[in-house]
Protein backbone atom coordinates (compact mmCIF):
# COMPACT_ATOMS: atom_id res chain seq x y z
CA MET A 1 -2.12 5.51 -14.20
CA ALA A 2 0.38 6.22 -11.42
CA GLN A 3 0.40 9.91 -12.27
CA LEU A 4 -3.42 10.02 -12.17
CA THR A 5 -3.66 8.25 -8.81
CA GLU A 6 -0.99 10.60 -7.40
CA GLN A 7 -3.02 13.58 -8.65
CA ILE A 8 -6.16 12.16 -7.04
CA GLU A 9 -4.32 11.54 -3.76
CA GLN A 10 -3.04 15.13 -3.66
CA LEU A 11 -6.56 16.37 -4.37
CA ILE A 12 -8.26 14.40 -1.60
CA GLN A 13 -5.47 14.57 1.01
CA PRO A 14 -6.79 17.72 2.76
CA ILE A 15 -10.22 16.10 3.17
CA MET A 16 -8.67 12.87 4.46
CA ASP A 17 -6.62 14.91 6.94
CA ASP A 18 -9.82 16.56 8.19
CA LEU A 19 -11.41 13.11 8.64
CA GLY A 20 -8.28 11.81 10.40
CA CYS A 21 -7.72 9.24 7.64
CA GLU A 22 -4.53 8.02 6.02
CA VAL A 23 -4.58 7.14 2.32
CA VAL A 24 -2.86 3.76 2.28
CA ASP A 25 -3.30 3.08 -1.43
CA ILE A 26 -5.33 4.07 -4.49
CA GLU A 27 -6.05 1.80 -7.44
CA TYR A 28 -7.64 2.84 -10.71
CA LEU A 29 -8.12 -0.14 -12.95
CA ARG A 30 -10.33 -1.72 -15.53
CA GLU A 31 -12.20 -4.74 -14.28
CA PRO A 32 -14.73 -6.93 -16.13
CA HIS A 33 -17.65 -4.69 -15.11
CA GLY A 34 -15.85 -1.41 -15.94
CA TRP A 35 -13.43 1.08 -14.38
CA VAL A 36 -12.97 1.00 -10.59
CA LEU A 37 -11.41 3.71 -8.44
CA ARG A 38 -10.53 2.01 -5.16
CA PHE A 39 -9.30 3.75 -2.02
CA PHE A 40 -7.74 1.94 0.92
CA LEU A 41 -7.94 4.11 4.04
CA ASP A 42 -6.86 3.72 7.64
CA LYS A 43 -6.95 5.80 10.78
CA GLU A 44 -5.76 5.65 14.37
CA GLY A 45 -7.55 2.69 15.96
CA GLY A 46 -8.66 1.38 12.55
CA ILE A 47 -11.35 2.50 10.15
CA ASN A 48 -14.89 1.15 10.34
CA LEU A 49 -17.85 1.07 7.96
CA ASP A 50 -19.09 4.51 9.05
CA GLY A 51 -15.63 5.99 8.47
CA CYS A 52 -15.46 4.44 4.98
CA ALA A 53 -18.96 5.73 4.15
CA ALA A 54 -18.10 9.27 5.31
CA ALA A 55 -14.87 9.25 3.30
CA SER A 56 -16.70 7.87 0.26
CA ARG A 57 -19.23 10.71 0.32
CA GLU A 58 -16.48 13.33 0.58
CA ILE A 59 -14.34 11.73 -2.14
CA SER A 60 -17.30 11.32 -4.48
CA THR A 61 -18.37 14.95 -4.10
CA LEU A 62 -14.85 16.26 -4.66
CA LEU A 63 -14.23 14.08 -7.72
CA ASP A 64 -17.58 15.15 -9.22
CA VAL A 65 -16.71 18.83 -8.74
CA GLU A 66 -13.14 18.50 -10.05
CA ASN A 67 -14.14 16.18 -12.93
CA ILE A 68 -10.64 14.73 -13.42
CA LEU A 69 -11.85 11.31 -14.57
CA SER A 70 -13.29 11.32 -18.07
CA THR A 71 -14.72 7.78 -17.97
CA ALA A 72 -17.51 6.31 -15.87
CA TYR A 73 -16.19 4.46 -12.83
CA SER A 74 -17.28 2.74 -9.63
CA LEU A 75 -15.95 4.20 -6.40
CA GLU A 76 -14.90 1.81 -3.64
CA VAL A 77 -13.57 2.81 -0.22
CA SER A 78 -12.35 0.22 2.27
CA SER A 79 -9.84 -0.59 4.96
CA PRO A 80 -6.48 -1.99 3.87
CA GLY A 81 -7.27 -5.32 5.54
CA ILE A 82 -5.22 -7.65 7.69
CA GLU A 83 -2.60 -8.22 4.98
CA ARG A 84 -2.35 -4.55 4.10
CA ARG A 85 -0.04 -3.36 1.41
CA LEU A 86 3.13 -1.52 2.38
CA LYS A 87 4.28 1.15 -0.06
CA LYS A 88 5.77 4.14 1.70
CA SER A 89 8.89 4.31 3.83
CA LYS A 90 6.71 5.22 6.83
CA ASP A 91 4.77 1.95 6.36
CA PHE A 92 7.97 -0.06 6.73
CA ILE A 93 8.88 1.88 9.86
CA ARG A 94 5.39 1.66 11.40
CA PHE A 95 5.05 -2.10 10.96
CA SER A 96 8.54 -3.02 12.11
CA GLY A 97 8.46 -6.36 13.94
CA GLN A 98 5.63 -7.74 11.78
CA LEU A 99 5.79 -10.65 9.34
CA VAL A 100 5.92 -9.45 5.71
CA LYS A 101 5.99 -10.86 2.20
CA ILE A 102 7.96 -8.87 -0.35
CA LYS A 103 8.12 -9.43 -4.10
CA THR A 104 10.86 -7.63 -6.00
CA LEU A 105 10.97 -6.43 -9.60
CA ASP A 106 14.23 -8.27 -10.27
CA ALA A 107 15.73 -11.38 -8.70
CA ILE A 108 18.00 -10.58 -5.76
CA ASP A 109 20.79 -12.72 -4.35
CA PRO A 110 20.51 -11.98 -0.61
CA ASP A 111 23.51 -14.03 0.49
CA GLU A 112 25.71 -13.96 -2.66
CA SER A 113 25.27 -17.72 -3.02
CA GLY A 114 24.33 -17.34 -6.65
CA LYS A 115 20.77 -18.37 -5.84
CA SER A 116 18.60 -15.38 -6.72
CA ARG A 117 14.90 -14.99 -6.01
CA LYS A 118 12.10 -12.47 -6.14
CA THR A 119 9.96 -13.44 -3.13
CA PHE A 120 11.00 -12.95 0.49
CA ILE A 121 9.09 -13.71 3.71
CA GLY A 122 10.41 -12.54 7.03
CA ILE A 123 10.19 -10.18 9.98
CA LEU A 124 10.32 -6.52 9.06
CA TYR A 125 13.12 -4.68 10.82
CA GLY A 126 12.30 -1.25 9.46
CA PHE A 127 13.73 1.12 6.94
CA GLU A 128 17.28 2.43 6.64
CA GLY A 129 18.49 4.77 3.92
CA ASP A 130 16.49 3.59 0.92
CA ASN A 131 16.41 -0.05 2.02
CA VAL A 132 13.79 -2.21 3.67
CA LEU A 133 15.37 -4.46 6.28
CA ILE A 134 13.98 -7.94 6.93
CA LYS A 135 15.08 -11.07 8.74
CA LEU A 136 14.24 -14.06 6.58
CA LYS A 137 11.86 -16.48 8.19
CA LYS A 138 13.58 -19.71 7.15
CA SER A 139 17.26 -18.81 7.46
CA GLU A 140 17.20 -16.07 10.11
CA GLU A 141 19.45 -14.09 7.75
CA LYS A 142 18.97 -10.31 7.68
CA ILE A 143 18.83 -8.69 4.26
CA ASN A 144 18.38 -5.23 2.75
CA ILE A 145 15.96 -4.79 -0.13
CA PRO A 146 16.16 -1.49 -2.01
CA LEU A 147 12.76 0.27 -1.93
CA HIS A 148 12.92 0.94 -5.69
CA GLN A 149 13.22 -2.84 -6.26
CA ILE A 150 9.99 -3.67 -4.42
CA ASP A 151 7.12 -4.60 -6.70
CA LYS A 152 4.71 -5.52 -3.90
CA ALA A 153 4.98 -5.75 -0.12
CA ASN A 154 2.28 -6.88 2.28
CA LEU A 155 1.88 -7.74 5.91
CA LYS A 156 1.55 -11.52 6.18
CA PHE A 157 -0.95 -13.02 8.58
CA GLU A 158 -0.28 -16.53 9.90
CA PHE A 159 -3.22 -18.67 10.97
């Protein structure tokens, strides 16, 4: 699936550039009602309903012409939301200073105490080398998490 979503992203990127949109994420998955191709888009100042509708029309037309999906699917285009997913190194740089929640593929021992874990919540300090830097919320300790170890990372909104 990852290869297919990467192919789709490369295909639509020129159109998204023309619309001033950033492709934050693409999901292609089977849900109870069938296959769903979901795009999360953003743009300077945020994306609104009209921007999503315009992008949806362009994406739909291009995918129909290119015919790279052999199964029927529903197309969804939306904003990444308040707890947007962070995937690319530029995301970790852009949202430096924000509260994040990161889940890793394997348990990590951030302070060599022998107490490993997979979930970290803290303030994002950016990206250095191939590591995401965060300051843990509870202990104020700064840790490096290798990008290849991140399973899922999101901005975290506190009410």
